[in-house]
Amino acid sequence: MIDARGTHAKLTSLGPQTFAQHRIHHLADFFDIASFALHILQAERQCRFVDVAEHVAEEHFMVFAADTQACLGHIVAVWHRSAQQMLLTEHVRFDFRREHAQRSRVVDHVVE
């Protein structure tokens, strides 16, 4: 303190962000999570409540136009998952071929 001639370190008067900014940020995160949860709930419940009279009327209109099975979303999800597994298997095979080629070169060098 003698070398500083009586000056003291002072804190800044304002923080890097005000409290109001933090409140707004947390409020925005809450609404984003709520909309995401609502989207999931709507996707899960889209096959539960069916108006039978409306469904029968729609079947008569759709007899020749398309297949009338409802709620095929889970079948599409299963197909997508199996397609991903097939791609993963092909990727593993590709890596195995590359490693096998490298391993055969190493074995040839060790034998010589």
PDB file of N, CA and C in Angstrom:
ATOM      1  N   MET A   1       0.821  -1.189   0.000  1.00  0.00           N
ATOM      2  CA  MET A   1       0.000   0.000   0.000  1.00  0.00           C
ATOM      3  C   MET A   1       0.863   1.251   0.000  1.00  0.00           C
ATOM      4  N   ILE A   2       2.034   1.136   0.520  1.00  0.00           N
ATOM      5  CA  ILE A   2       2.898   2.315   0.536  1.00  0.00           C
ATOM      6  C   ILE A   2       3.304   2.675  -0.887  1.00  0.00           C
ATOM      7  N   ASP A   3       3.655   1.661  -1.687  1.00  0.00           N
ATOM      8  CA  ASP A   3       4.051   1.934  -3.067  1.00  0.00           C
ATOM      9  C   ASP A   3       2.871   2.396  -3.916  1.00  0.00           C
ATOM     10  N   ALA A   4       1.661   1.984  -3.567  1.00  0.00           N
ATOM     11  CA  ALA A   4       0.495   2.358  -4.359  1.00  0.00           C
ATOM     12  C   ALA A   4      -0.022   3.744  -4.001  1.00  0.00           C
ATOM     13  N   ARG A   5       0.527   4.357  -2.952  1.00  0.00           N
ATOM     14  CA  ARG A   5       0.187   5.711  -2.523  1.00  0.00           C
ATOM     15  C   ARG A   5      -1.292   5.856  -2.176  1.00  0.00           C
ATOM     16  N   GLY A   6      -1.803   4.913  -1.447  1.00  0.00           N
ATOM     17  CA  GLY A   6      -3.147   5.056  -0.919  1.00  0.00           C
ATOM     18  C   GLY A   6      -4.259   4.642  -1.851  1.00  0.00           C
ATOM     19  N   THR A   7      -3.944   4.114  -3.020  1.00  0.00           N
ATOM     20  CA  THR A   7      -5.021   3.685  -3.915  1.00  0.00           C
ATOM     21  C   THR A   7      -5.465   2.282  -3.531  1.00  0.00           C
ATOM     22  N   HIS A   8      -6.726   2.037  -3.692  1.00  0.00           N
ATOM     23  CA  HIS A   8      -7.294   0.729  -3.367  1.00  0.00           C
ATOM     24  C   HIS A   8      -7.941   0.145  -4.621  1.00  0.00           C
ATOM     25  N   ALA A   9      -7.882  -1.160  -4.706  1.00  0.00           N
ATOM     26  CA  ALA A   9      -8.551  -1.821  -5.832  1.00  0.00           C
ATOM     27  C   ALA A   9     -10.054  -1.701  -5.648  1.00  0.00           C
ATOM     28  N   LYS A  10     -10.759  -1.306  -6.687  1.00  0.00           N
ATOM     29  CA  LYS A  10     -12.212  -1.145  -6.616  1.00  0.00           C
ATOM     30  C   LYS A  10     -12.871  -2.137  -7.567  1.00  0.00           C
ATOM     31  N   LEU A  11     -14.006  -2.628  -7.139  1.00  0.00           N
ATOM     32  CA  LEU A  11     -14.783  -3.492  -8.005  1.00  0.00           C
ATOM     33  C   LEU A  11     -15.552  -2.641  -9.005  1.00  0.00           C
ATOM     34  N   THR A  12     -15.853  -3.208 -10.120  1.00  0.00           N
ATOM     35  CA  THR A  12     -16.639  -2.466 -11.097  1.00  0.00           C
ATOM     36  C   THR A  12     -18.044  -2.270 -10.559  1.00  0.00           C
ATOM     37  N   SER A  13     -18.693  -1.232 -10.985  1.00  0.00           N
ATOM     38  CA  SER A  13     -20.023  -0.930 -10.456  1.00  0.00           C
ATOM     39  C   SER A  13     -21.092  -1.848 -11.038  1.00  0.00           C
ATOM     40  N   LEU A  14     -20.910  -2.386 -12.227  1.00  0.00           N
ATOM     41  CA  LEU A  14     -21.879  -3.283 -12.848  1.00  0.00           C
ATOM     42  C   LEU A  14     -21.240  -4.637 -13.108  1.00  0.00           C
ATOM     43  N   GLY A  15     -22.022  -5.672 -12.946  1.00  0.00           N
ATOM     44  CA  GLY A  15     -21.554  -7.009 -13.274  1.00  0.00           C
ATOM     45  C   GLY A  15     -21.553  -7.208 -14.779  1.00  0.00           C
ATOM     46  N   PRO A  16     -21.019  -8.317 -15.241  1.00  0.00           N
ATOM     47  CA  PRO A  16     -20.991  -8.545 -16.682  1.00  0.00           C
ATOM     48  C   PRO A  16     -22.381  -8.668 -17.296  1.00  0.00           C
ATOM     49  N   GLN A  17     -23.341  -9.208 -16.532  1.00  0.00           N
ATOM     50  CA  GLN A  17     -24.720  -9.285 -16.996  1.00  0.00           C
ATOM     51  C   GLN A  17     -25.624  -8.929 -15.828  1.00  0.00           C
ATOM     52  N   THR A  18     -26.661  -8.222 -16.119  1.00  0.00           N
ATOM     53  CA  THR A  18     -27.581  -7.849 -15.054  1.00  0.00           C
ATOM     54  C   THR A  18     -28.483  -9.020 -14.709  1.00  0.00           C
ATOM     55  N   PHE A  19     -29.139  -8.931 -13.551  1.00  0.00           N
ATOM     56  CA  PHE A  19     -30.015 -10.010 -13.112  1.00  0.00           C
ATOM     57  C   PHE A  19     -31.217 -10.168 -14.037  1.00  0.00           C
ATOM     58  N   ALA A  20     -31.672  -9.078 -14.608  1.00  0.00           N
ATOM     59  CA  ALA A  20     -32.822  -9.157 -15.506  1.00  0.00           C
ATOM     60  C   ALA A  20     -32.493 -10.005 -16.732  1.00  0.00           C
ATOM     61  N   GLN A  21     -31.268  -9.914 -17.217  1.00  0.00           N
ATOM     62  CA  GLN A  21     -30.884 -10.720 -18.370  1.00  0.00           C
ATOM     63  C   GLN A  21     -30.906 -12.206 -18.029  1.00  0.00           C
ATOM     64  N   HIS A  22     -30.459 -12.558 -16.826  1.00  0.00           N
ATOM     65  CA  HIS A  22     -30.490 -13.961 -16.413  1.00  0.00           C
ATOM     66  C   HIS A  22     -31.921 -14.460 -16.307  1.00  0.00           C
ATOM     67  N   ARG A  23     -32.816 -13.641 -15.766  1.00  0.00           N
ATOM     68  CA  ARG A  23     -34.212 -14.053 -15.631  1.00  0.00           C
ATOM     69  C   ARG A  23     -34.847 -14.282 -16.998  1.00  0.00           C
ATOM     70  N   ILE A  24     -34.567 -13.407 -17.942  1.00  0.00           N
ATOM     71  CA  ILE A  24     -35.129 -13.552 -19.287  1.00  0.00           C
ATOM     72  C   ILE A  24     -34.584 -14.812 -19.948  1.00  0.00           C
ATOM     73  N   HIS A  25     -33.290 -15.067 -19.758  1.00  0.00           N
ATOM     74  CA  HIS A  25     -32.673 -16.242 -20.367  1.00  0.00           C
ATOM     75  C   HIS A  25     -33.293 -17.523 -19.810  1.00  0.00           C
ATOM     76  N   HIS A  26     -33.471 -17.610 -18.495  1.00  0.00           N
ATOM     77  CA  HIS A  26     -34.067 -18.804 -17.897  1.00  0.00           C
ATOM     78  C   HIS A  26     -35.519 -18.954 -18.319  1.00  0.00           C
ATOM     79  N   LEU A  27     -36.234 -17.848 -18.449  1.00  0.00           N
ATOM     80  CA  LEU A  27     -37.624 -17.914 -18.878  1.00  0.00           C
ATOM     81  C   LEU A  27     -37.715 -18.424 -20.317  1.00  0.00           C
ATOM     82  N   ALA A  28     -36.801 -17.990 -21.170  1.00  0.00           N
ATOM     83  CA  ALA A  28     -36.793 -18.472 -22.555  1.00  0.00           C
ATOM     84  C   ALA A  28     -36.481 -19.966 -22.606  1.00  0.00           C
ATOM     85  N   ASP A  29     -35.548 -20.439 -21.767  1.00  0.00           N
ATOM     86  CA  ASP A  29     -35.243 -21.870 -21.719  1.00  0.00           C
ATOM     87  C   ASP A  29     -36.453 -22.672 -21.273  1.00  0.00           C
ATOM     88  N   PHE A  30     -37.214 -22.148 -20.309  1.00  0.00           N
ATOM     89  CA  PHE A  30     -38.393 -22.858 -19.822  1.00  0.00           C
ATOM     90  C   PHE A  30     -39.418 -23.025 -20.934  1.00  0.00           C
ATOM     91  N   PHE A  31     -39.670 -21.965 -21.696  1.00  0.00           N
ATOM     92  CA  PHE A  31     -40.649 -22.069 -22.767  1.00  0.00           C
ATOM     93  C   PHE A  31     -40.167 -23.010 -23.872  1.00  0.00           C
ATOM     94  N   ASP A  32     -38.876 -23.035 -24.128  1.00  0.00           N
ATOM     95  CA  ASP A  32     -38.344 -23.935 -25.144  1.00  0.00           C
ATOM     96  C   ASP A  32     -38.524 -25.390 -24.720  1.00  0.00           C
ATOM     97  N   ILE A  33     -38.255 -25.706 -23.471  1.00  0.00           N
ATOM     98  CA  ILE A  33     -38.428 -27.067 -22.962  1.00  0.00           C
ATOM     99  C   ILE A  33     -39.898 -27.447 -22.984  1.00  0.00           C
ATOM    100  N   ALA A  34     -40.769 -26.514 -22.625  1.00  0.00           N
ATOM    101  CA  ALA A  34     -42.200 -26.810 -22.615  1.00  0.00           C
ATOM    102  C   ALA A  34     -42.704 -27.110 -24.024  1.00  0.00           C
ATOM    103  N   SER A  35     -42.242 -26.370 -25.015  1.00  0.00           N
ATOM    104  CA  SER A  35     -42.692 -26.638 -26.384  1.00  0.00           C
ATOM    105  C   SER A  35     -42.145 -27.969 -26.881  1.00  0.00           C
ATOM    106  N   PHE A  36     -40.939 -28.310 -26.478  1.00  0.00           N
ATOM    107  CA  PHE A  36     -40.359 -29.591 -26.867  1.00  0.00           C
ATOM    108  C   PHE A  36     -41.139 -30.744 -26.243  1.00  0.00           C
ATOM    109  N   ALA A  37     -41.496 -30.622 -24.956  1.00  0.00           N
ATOM    110  CA  ALA A  37     -42.271 -31.669 -24.287  1.00  0.00           C
ATOM    111  C   ALA A  37     -43.659 -31.794 -24.908  1.00  0.00           C
ATOM    112  N   LEU A  38     -44.269 -30.681 -25.262  1.00  0.00           N
ATOM    113  CA  LEU A  38     -45.583 -30.716 -25.891  1.00  0.00           C
ATOM    114  C   LEU A  38     -45.511 -31.428 -27.237  1.00  0.00           C
ATOM    115  N   HIS A  39     -44.443 -31.179 -27.981  1.00  0.00           N
ATOM    116  CA  HIS A  39     -44.271 -31.840 -29.276  1.00  0.00           C
ATOM    117  C   HIS A  39     -44.162 -33.358 -29.101  1.00  0.00           C
ATOM    118  N   ILE A  40     -43.438 -33.800 -28.081  1.00  0.00           N
ATOM    119  CA  ILE A  40     -43.305 -35.238 -27.822  1.00  0.00           C
ATOM    120  C   ILE A  40     -44.644 -35.830 -27.427  1.00  0.00           C
ATOM    121  N   LEU A  41     -45.374 -35.152 -26.555  1.00  0.00           N
ATOM    122  CA  LEU A  41     -46.670 -35.675 -26.130  1.00  0.00           C
ATOM    123  C   LEU A  41     -47.638 -35.775 -27.298  1.00  0.00           C
ATOM    124  N   GLN A  42     -47.621 -34.805 -28.190  1.00  0.00           N
ATOM    125  CA  GLN A  42     -48.503 -34.873 -29.350  1.00  0.00           C
ATOM    126  C   GLN A  42     -48.123 -36.038 -30.254  1.00  0.00           C
ATOM    127  N   ALA A  43     -46.842 -36.294 -30.394  1.00  0.00           N
ATOM    128  CA  ALA A  43     -46.408 -37.408 -31.238  1.00  0.00           C
ATOM    129  C   ALA A  43     -46.792 -38.747 -30.621  1.00  0.00           C
ATOM    130  N   GLU A  44     -46.729 -38.856 -29.295  1.00  0.00           N
ATOM    131  CA  GLU A  44     -47.080 -40.112 -28.645  1.00  0.00           C
ATOM    132  C   GLU A  44     -48.580 -40.362 -28.676  1.00  0.00           C
ATOM    133  N   ARG A  45     -49.366 -39.328 -28.596  1.00  0.00           N
ATOM    134  CA  ARG A  45     -50.809 -39.495 -28.471  1.00  0.00           C
ATOM    135  C   ARG A  45     -51.557 -39.396 -29.794  1.00  0.00           C
ATOM    136  N   GLN A  46     -50.899 -39.343 -30.897  1.00  0.00           N
ATOM    137  CA  GLN A  46     -51.611 -39.106 -32.149  1.00  0.00           C
ATOM    138  C   GLN A  46     -52.469 -40.290 -32.572  1.00  0.00           C
ATOM    139  N   CYS A  47     -52.307 -41.458 -31.982  1.00  0.00           N
ATOM    140  CA  CYS A  47     -53.079 -42.628 -32.396  1.00  0.00           C
ATOM    141  C   CYS A  47     -54.124 -43.049 -31.373  1.00  0.00           C
ATOM    142  N   ARG A  48     -54.287 -42.366 -30.277  1.00  0.00           N
ATOM    143  CA  ARG A  48     -55.161 -42.848 -29.211  1.00  0.00           C
ATOM    144  C   ARG A  48     -56.619 -42.467 -29.398  1.00  0.00           C
ATOM    145  N   PHE A  49     -56.908 -41.207 -29.632  1.00  0.00           N
ATOM    146  CA  PHE A  49     -58.291 -40.756 -29.703  1.00  0.00           C
ATOM    147  C   PHE A  49     -58.734 -40.697 -31.160  1.00  0.00           C
ATOM    148  N   VAL A  50     -59.703 -41.526 -31.507  1.00  0.00           N
ATOM    149  CA  VAL A  50     -60.169 -41.602 -32.887  1.00  0.00           C
ATOM    150  C   VAL A  50     -61.674 -41.421 -32.887  1.00  0.00           C
ATOM    151  N   ASP A  51     -62.151 -40.534 -33.727  1.00  0.00           N
ATOM    152  CA  ASP A  51     -63.589 -40.380 -33.910  1.00  0.00           C
ATOM    153  C   ASP A  51     -64.028 -41.465 -34.890  1.00  0.00           C
ATOM    154  N   VAL A  52     -64.766 -42.453 -34.387  1.00  0.00           N
ATOM    155  CA  VAL A  52     -65.102 -43.632 -35.182  1.00  0.00           C
ATOM    156  C   VAL A  52     -65.934 -43.253 -36.398  1.00  0.00           C
ATOM    157  N   ALA A  53     -66.925 -42.390 -36.211  1.00  0.00           N
ATOM    158  CA  ALA A  53     -67.779 -42.004 -37.338  1.00  0.00           C
ATOM    159  C   ALA A  53     -66.962 -41.299 -38.420  1.00  0.00           C
ATOM    160  N   GLU A  54     -66.076 -40.424 -37.999  1.00  0.00           N
ATOM    161  CA  GLU A  54     -65.238 -39.716 -38.971  1.00  0.00           C
ATOM    162  C   GLU A  54     -64.284 -40.683 -39.663  1.00  0.00           C
ATOM    163  N   HIS A  55     -63.754 -41.629 -38.904  1.00  0.00           N
ATOM    164  CA  HIS A  55     -62.817 -42.592 -39.469  1.00  0.00           C
ATOM    165  C   HIS A  55     -63.498 -43.475 -40.524  1.00  0.00           C
ATOM    166  N   VAL A  56     -64.714 -43.923 -40.236  1.00  0.00           N
ATOM    167  CA  VAL A  56     -65.455 -44.749 -41.200  1.00  0.00           C
ATOM    168  C   VAL A  56     -65.760 -43.953 -42.462  1.00  0.00           C
ATOM    169  N   ALA A  57     -66.152 -42.691 -42.293  1.00  0.00           N
ATOM    170  CA  ALA A  57     -66.440 -41.852 -43.459  1.00  0.00           C
ATOM    171  C   ALA A  57     -65.186 -41.639 -44.298  1.00  0.00           C
ATOM    172  N   GLU A  58     -64.061 -41.446 -43.653  1.00  0.00           N
ATOM    173  CA  GLU A  58     -62.817 -41.255 -44.390  1.00  0.00           C
ATOM    174  C   GLU A  58     -62.392 -42.534 -45.095  1.00  0.00           C
ATOM    175  N   GLU A  59     -62.683 -43.688 -44.504  1.00  0.00           N
ATOM    176  CA  GLU A  59     -62.332 -44.948 -45.159  1.00  0.00           C
ATOM    177  C   GLU A  59     -63.067 -45.099 -46.485  1.00  0.00           C
ATOM    178  N   HIS A  60     -64.328 -44.680 -46.528  1.00  0.00           N
ATOM    179  CA  HIS A  60     -65.087 -44.780 -47.771  1.00  0.00           C
ATOM    180  C   HIS A  60     -64.480 -43.897 -48.864  1.00  0.00           C
ATOM    181  N   PHE A  61     -63.942 -42.742 -48.470  1.00  0.00           N
ATOM    182  CA  PHE A  61     -63.320 -41.863 -49.457  1.00  0.00           C
ATOM    183  C   PHE A  61     -61.954 -42.385 -49.906  1.00  0.00           C
ATOM    184  N   MET A  62     -61.282 -43.129 -49.036  1.00  0.00           N
ATOM    185  CA  MET A  62     -59.912 -43.531 -49.302  1.00  0.00           C
ATOM    186  C   MET A  62     -59.777 -44.968 -49.795  1.00  0.00           C
ATOM    187  N   VAL A  63     -60.849 -45.637 -50.111  1.00  0.00           N
ATOM    188  CA  VAL A  63     -60.778 -47.053 -50.482  1.00  0.00           C
ATOM    189  C   VAL A  63     -59.870 -47.259 -51.687  1.00  0.00           C
ATOM    190  N   PHE A  64     -60.043 -46.462 -52.715  1.00  0.00           N
ATOM    191  CA  PHE A  64     -59.258 -46.664 -53.925  1.00  0.00           C
ATOM    192  C   PHE A  64     -58.004 -45.791 -53.970  1.00  0.00           C
ATOM    193  N   ALA A  65     -57.928 -44.798 -53.128  1.00  0.00           N
ATOM    194  CA  ALA A  65     -56.808 -43.854 -53.210  1.00  0.00           C
ATOM    195  C   ALA A  65     -55.568 -44.351 -52.477  1.00  0.00           C
ATOM    196  N   ALA A  66     -55.749 -44.944 -51.312  1.00  0.00           N
ATOM    197  CA  ALA A  66     -54.577 -45.323 -50.523  1.00  0.00           C
ATOM    198  C   ALA A  66     -54.954 -46.408 -49.534  1.00  0.00           C
ATOM    199  N   ASP A  67     -53.962 -46.903 -48.852  1.00  0.00           N
ATOM    200  CA  ASP A  67     -54.192 -47.891 -47.807  1.00  0.00           C
ATOM    201  C   ASP A  67     -54.812 -47.186 -46.606  1.00  0.00           C
ATOM    202  N   THR A  68     -55.789 -47.815 -45.947  1.00  0.00           N
ATOM    203  CA  THR A  68     -56.527 -47.131 -44.887  1.00  0.00           C
ATOM    204  C   THR A  68     -56.015 -47.451 -43.498  1.00  0.00           C
ATOM    205  N   GLN A  69     -54.863 -48.090 -43.365  1.00  0.00           N
ATOM    206  CA  GLN A  69     -54.344 -48.381 -42.034  1.00  0.00           C
ATOM    207  C   GLN A  69     -53.903 -47.085 -41.375  1.00  0.00           C
ATOM    208  N   ALA A  70     -54.278 -46.950 -40.118  1.00  0.00           N
ATOM    209  CA  ALA A  70     -53.908 -45.749 -39.370  1.00  0.00           C
ATOM    210  C   ALA A  70     -52.728 -46.061 -38.461  1.00  0.00           C
ATOM    211  N   CYS A  71     -52.017 -45.035 -38.078  1.00  0.00           N
ATOM    212  CA  CYS A  71     -50.953 -45.121 -37.065  1.00  0.00           C
ATOM    213  C   CYS A  71     -49.812 -46.034 -37.497  1.00  0.00           C
ATOM    214  N   LEU A  72     -49.235 -45.787 -38.622  1.00  0.00           N
ATOM    215  CA  LEU A  72     -48.100 -46.576 -39.083  1.00  0.00           C
ATOM    216  C   LEU A  72     -46.766 -45.927 -38.721  1.00  0.00           C
ATOM    217  N   GLY A  73     -46.809 -44.933 -37.835  1.00  0.00           N
ATOM    218  CA  GLY A  73     -45.578 -44.237 -37.456  1.00  0.00           C
ATOM    219  C   GLY A  73     -44.561 -45.147 -36.811  1.00  0.00           C
ATOM    220  N   HIS A  74     -45.006 -46.111 -35.997  1.00  0.00           N
ATOM    221  CA  HIS A  74     -44.062 -47.007 -35.332  1.00  0.00           C
ATOM    222  C   HIS A  74     -43.389 -47.938 -36.339  1.00  0.00           C
ATOM    223  N   ILE A  75     -44.077 -48.307 -37.421  1.00  0.00           N
ATOM    224  CA  ILE A  75     -43.474 -49.171 -38.437  1.00  0.00           C
ATOM    225  C   ILE A  75     -42.380 -48.414 -39.180  1.00  0.00           C
ATOM    226  N   VAL A  76     -42.622 -47.156 -39.469  1.00  0.00           N
ATOM    227  CA  VAL A  76     -41.602 -46.341 -40.124  1.00  0.00           C
ATOM    228  C   VAL A  76     -40.392 -46.191 -39.215  1.00  0.00           C
ATOM    229  N   ALA A  77     -40.622 -46.014 -37.915  1.00  0.00           N
ATOM    230  CA  ALA A  77     -39.510 -45.876 -36.974  1.00  0.00           C
ATOM    231  C   ALA A  77     -38.697 -47.162 -36.915  1.00  0.00           C
ATOM    232  N   VAL A  78     -39.352 -48.312 -36.921  1.00  0.00           N
ATOM    233  CA  VAL A  78     -38.636 -49.588 -36.896  1.00  0.00           C
ATOM    234  C   VAL A  78     -37.823 -49.750 -38.171  1.00  0.00           C
ATOM    235  N   TRP A  79     -38.392 -49.406 -39.326  1.00  0.00           N
ATOM    236  CA  TRP A  79     -37.660 -49.513 -40.578  1.00  0.00           C
ATOM    237  C   TRP A  79     -36.447 -48.596 -40.576  1.00  0.00           C
ATOM    238  N   HIS A  80     -36.621 -47.378 -40.067  1.00  0.00           N
ATOM    239  CA  HIS A  80     -35.515 -46.425 -40.023  1.00  0.00           C
ATOM    240  C   HIS A  80     -34.402 -46.949 -39.123  1.00  0.00           C
ATOM    241  N   ARG A  81     -34.777 -47.537 -37.989  1.00  0.00           N
ATOM    242  CA  ARG A  81     -33.777 -48.069 -37.071  1.00  0.00           C
ATOM    243  C   ARG A  81     -33.023 -49.227 -37.724  1.00  0.00           C
ATOM    244  N   SER A  82     -33.722 -50.114 -38.428  1.00  0.00           N
ATOM    245  CA  SER A  82     -33.042 -51.239 -39.073  1.00  0.00           C
ATOM    246  C   SER A  82     -32.139 -50.751 -40.203  1.00  0.00           C
ATOM    247  N   ALA A  83     -32.546 -49.699 -40.903  1.00  0.00           N
ATOM    248  CA  ALA A  83     -31.696 -49.138 -41.960  1.00  0.00           C
ATOM    249  C   ALA A  83     -30.423 -48.556 -41.365  1.00  0.00           C
ATOM    250  N   GLN A  84     -30.538 -47.915 -40.209  1.00  0.00           N
ATOM    251  CA  GLN A  84     -29.347 -47.380 -39.551  1.00  0.00           C
ATOM    252  C   GLN A  84     -28.417 -48.507 -39.130  1.00  0.00           C
ATOM    253  N   GLN A  85     -28.975 -49.617 -38.639  1.00  0.00           N
ATOM    254  CA  GLN A  85     -28.139 -50.738 -38.234  1.00  0.00           C
ATOM    255  C   GLN A  85     -27.427 -51.345 -39.433  1.00  0.00           C
ATOM    256  N   MET A  86     -28.098 -51.409 -40.573  1.00  0.00           N
ATOM    257  CA  MET A  86     -27.449 -51.940 -41.770  1.00  0.00           C
ATOM    258  C   MET A  86     -26.307 -51.036 -42.206  1.00  0.00           C
ATOM    259  N   LEU A  87     -26.515 -49.725 -42.139  1.00  0.00           N
ATOM    260  CA  LEU A  87     -25.443 -48.799 -42.505  1.00  0.00           C
ATOM    261  C   LEU A  87     -24.279 -48.915 -41.541  1.00  0.00           C
ATOM    262  N   LEU A  88     -24.575 -49.108 -40.262  1.00  0.00           N
ATOM    263  CA  LEU A  88     -23.518 -49.276 -39.277  1.00  0.00           C
ATOM    264  C   LEU A  88     -22.729 -50.549 -39.562  1.00  0.00           C
ATOM    265  N   THR A  89     -23.414 -51.617 -39.928  1.00  0.00           N
ATOM    266  CA  THR A  89     -22.741 -52.871 -40.262  1.00  0.00           C
ATOM    267  C   THR A  89     -21.838 -52.694 -41.473  1.00  0.00           C
ATOM    268  N   GLU A  90     -22.312 -52.003 -42.487  1.00  0.00           N
ATOM    269  CA  GLU A  90     -21.485 -51.756 -43.670  1.00  0.00           C
ATOM    270  C   GLU A  90     -20.267 -50.918 -43.309  1.00  0.00           C
ATOM    271  N   HIS A  91     -20.448 -49.955 -42.418  1.00  0.00           N
ATOM    272  CA  HIS A  91     -19.328 -49.114 -41.996  1.00  0.00           C
ATOM    273  C   HIS A  91     -18.286 -49.948 -41.255  1.00  0.00           C
ATOM    274  N   VAL A  92     -18.729 -50.848 -40.392  1.00  0.00           N
ATOM    275  CA  VAL A  92     -17.799 -51.705 -39.657  1.00  0.00           C
ATOM    276  C   VAL A  92     -17.059 -52.613 -40.631  1.00  0.00           C
ATOM    277  N   ARG A  93     -17.754 -53.161 -41.611  1.00  0.00           N
ATOM    278  CA  ARG A  93     -17.093 -54.006 -42.607  1.00  0.00           C
ATOM    279  C   ARG A  93     -16.041 -53.222 -43.387  1.00  0.00           C
ATOM    280  N   PHE A  94     -16.345 -51.984 -43.708  1.00  0.00           N
ATOM    281  CA  PHE A  94     -15.385 -51.160 -44.434  1.00  0.00           C
ATOM    282  C   PHE A  94     -14.137 -50.952 -43.592  1.00  0.00           C
ATOM    283  N   ASP A  95     -14.308 -50.637 -42.314  1.00  0.00           N
ATOM    284  CA  ASP A  95     -13.155 -50.461 -41.433  1.00  0.00           C
ATOM    285  C   ASP A  95     -12.373 -51.759 -41.294  1.00  0.00           C
ATOM    286  N   PHE A  96     -13.075 -52.884 -41.223  1.00  0.00           N
ATOM    287  CA  PHE A  96     -12.401 -54.165 -41.085  1.00  0.00           C
ATOM    288  C   PHE A  96     -11.553 -54.467 -42.315  1.00  0.00           C
ATOM    289  N   ARG A  97     -12.055 -54.169 -43.506  1.00  0.00           N
ATOM    290  CA  ARG A  97     -11.281 -54.402 -44.729  1.00  0.00           C
ATOM    291  C   ARG A  97     -10.006 -53.564 -44.740  1.00  0.00           C
ATOM    292  N   ARG A  98     -10.133 -52.308 -44.341  1.00  0.00           N
ATOM    293  CA  ARG A  98      -8.960 -51.430 -44.324  1.00  0.00           C
ATOM    294  C   ARG A  98      -7.935 -51.922 -43.310  1.00  0.00           C
ATOM    295  N   GLU A  99      -8.398 -52.303 -42.121  1.00  0.00           N
ATOM    296  CA  GLU A  99      -7.478 -52.793 -41.100  1.00  0.00           C
ATOM    297  C   GLU A  99      -6.869 -54.131 -41.505  1.00  0.00           C
ATOM    298  N   HIS A 100      -7.639 -54.974 -42.170  1.00  0.00           N
ATOM    299  CA  HIS A 100      -7.118 -56.261 -42.627  1.00  0.00           C
ATOM    300  C   HIS A 100      -6.004 -56.050 -43.656  1.00  0.00           C
ATOM    301  N   ALA A 101      -6.191 -55.088 -44.546  1.00  0.00           N
ATOM    302  CA  ALA A 101      -5.158 -54.792 -45.542  1.00  0.00           C
ATOM    303  C   ALA A 101      -3.897 -54.276 -44.862  1.00  0.00           C
ATOM    304  N   GLN A 102      -4.029 -53.419 -43.871  1.00  0.00           N
ATOM    305  CA  GLN A 102      -2.868 -52.910 -43.150  1.00  0.00           C
ATOM    306  C   GLN A 102      -2.188 -54.027 -42.370  1.00  0.00           C
ATOM    307  N   ARG A 103      -2.980 -54.903 -41.767  1.00  0.00           N
ATOM    308  CA  ARG A 103      -2.418 -55.990 -40.972  1.00  0.00           C
ATOM    309  C   ARG A 103      -1.643 -56.952 -41.877  1.00  0.00           C
ATOM    310  N   SER A 104      -2.142 -57.236 -43.073  1.00  0.00           N
ATOM    311  CA  SER A 104      -1.433 -58.156 -43.972  1.00  0.00           C
ATOM    312  C   SER A 104      -0.102 -57.558 -44.412  1.00  0.00           C
ATOM    313  N   ARG A 105      -0.055 -56.243 -44.601  1.00  0.00           N
ATOM    314  CA  ARG A 105       1.219 -55.606 -44.951  1.00  0.00           C
ATOM    315  C   ARG A 105       2.213 -55.709 -43.809  1.00  0.00           C
ATOM    316  N   VAL A 106       1.741 -55.542 -42.585  1.00  0.00           N
ATOM    317  CA  VAL A 106       2.628 -55.633 -41.425  1.00  0.00           C
ATOM    318  C   VAL A 106       3.145 -57.058 -41.282  1.00  0.00           C
ATOM    319  N   VAL A 107       2.291 -58.051 -41.457  1.00  0.00           N
ATOM    320  CA  VAL A 107       2.710 -59.450 -41.348  1.00  0.00           C
ATOM    321  C   VAL A 107       3.745 -59.770 -42.414  1.00  0.00           C
ATOM    322  N   ASP A 108       3.563 -59.289 -43.638  1.00  0.00           N
ATOM    323  CA  ASP A 108       4.535 -59.539 -44.702  1.00  0.00           C
ATOM    324  C   ASP A 108       5.886 -58.932 -44.367  1.00  0.00           C
ATOM    325  N   HIS A 109       5.905 -57.756 -43.760  1.00  0.00           N
ATOM    326  CA  HIS A 109       7.169 -57.119 -43.396  1.00  0.00           C
ATOM    327  C   HIS A 109       7.845 -57.842 -42.245  1.00  0.00           C
ATOM    328  N   VAL A 110       7.085 -58.374 -41.320  1.00  0.00           N
ATOM    329  CA  VAL A 110       7.670 -59.079 -40.175  1.00  0.00           C
ATOM    330  C   VAL A 110       8.253 -60.409 -40.629  1.00  0.00           C
ATOM    331  N   VAL A 111       7.601 -61.104 -41.535  1.00  0.00           N
ATOM    332  CA  VAL A 111       8.067 -62.409 -41.999  1.00  0.00           C
ATOM    333  C   VAL A 111       9.361 -62.269 -42.782  1.00  0.00           C
ATOM    334  N   GLU A 112       9.478 -61.235 -43.558  1.00  0.00           N
ATOM    335  CA  GLU A 112      10.690 -61.058 -44.367  1.00  0.00           C
ATOM    336  C   GLU A 112      11.822 -60.730 -43.465  1.00  0.00           C
TER     337      GLU A 112
END
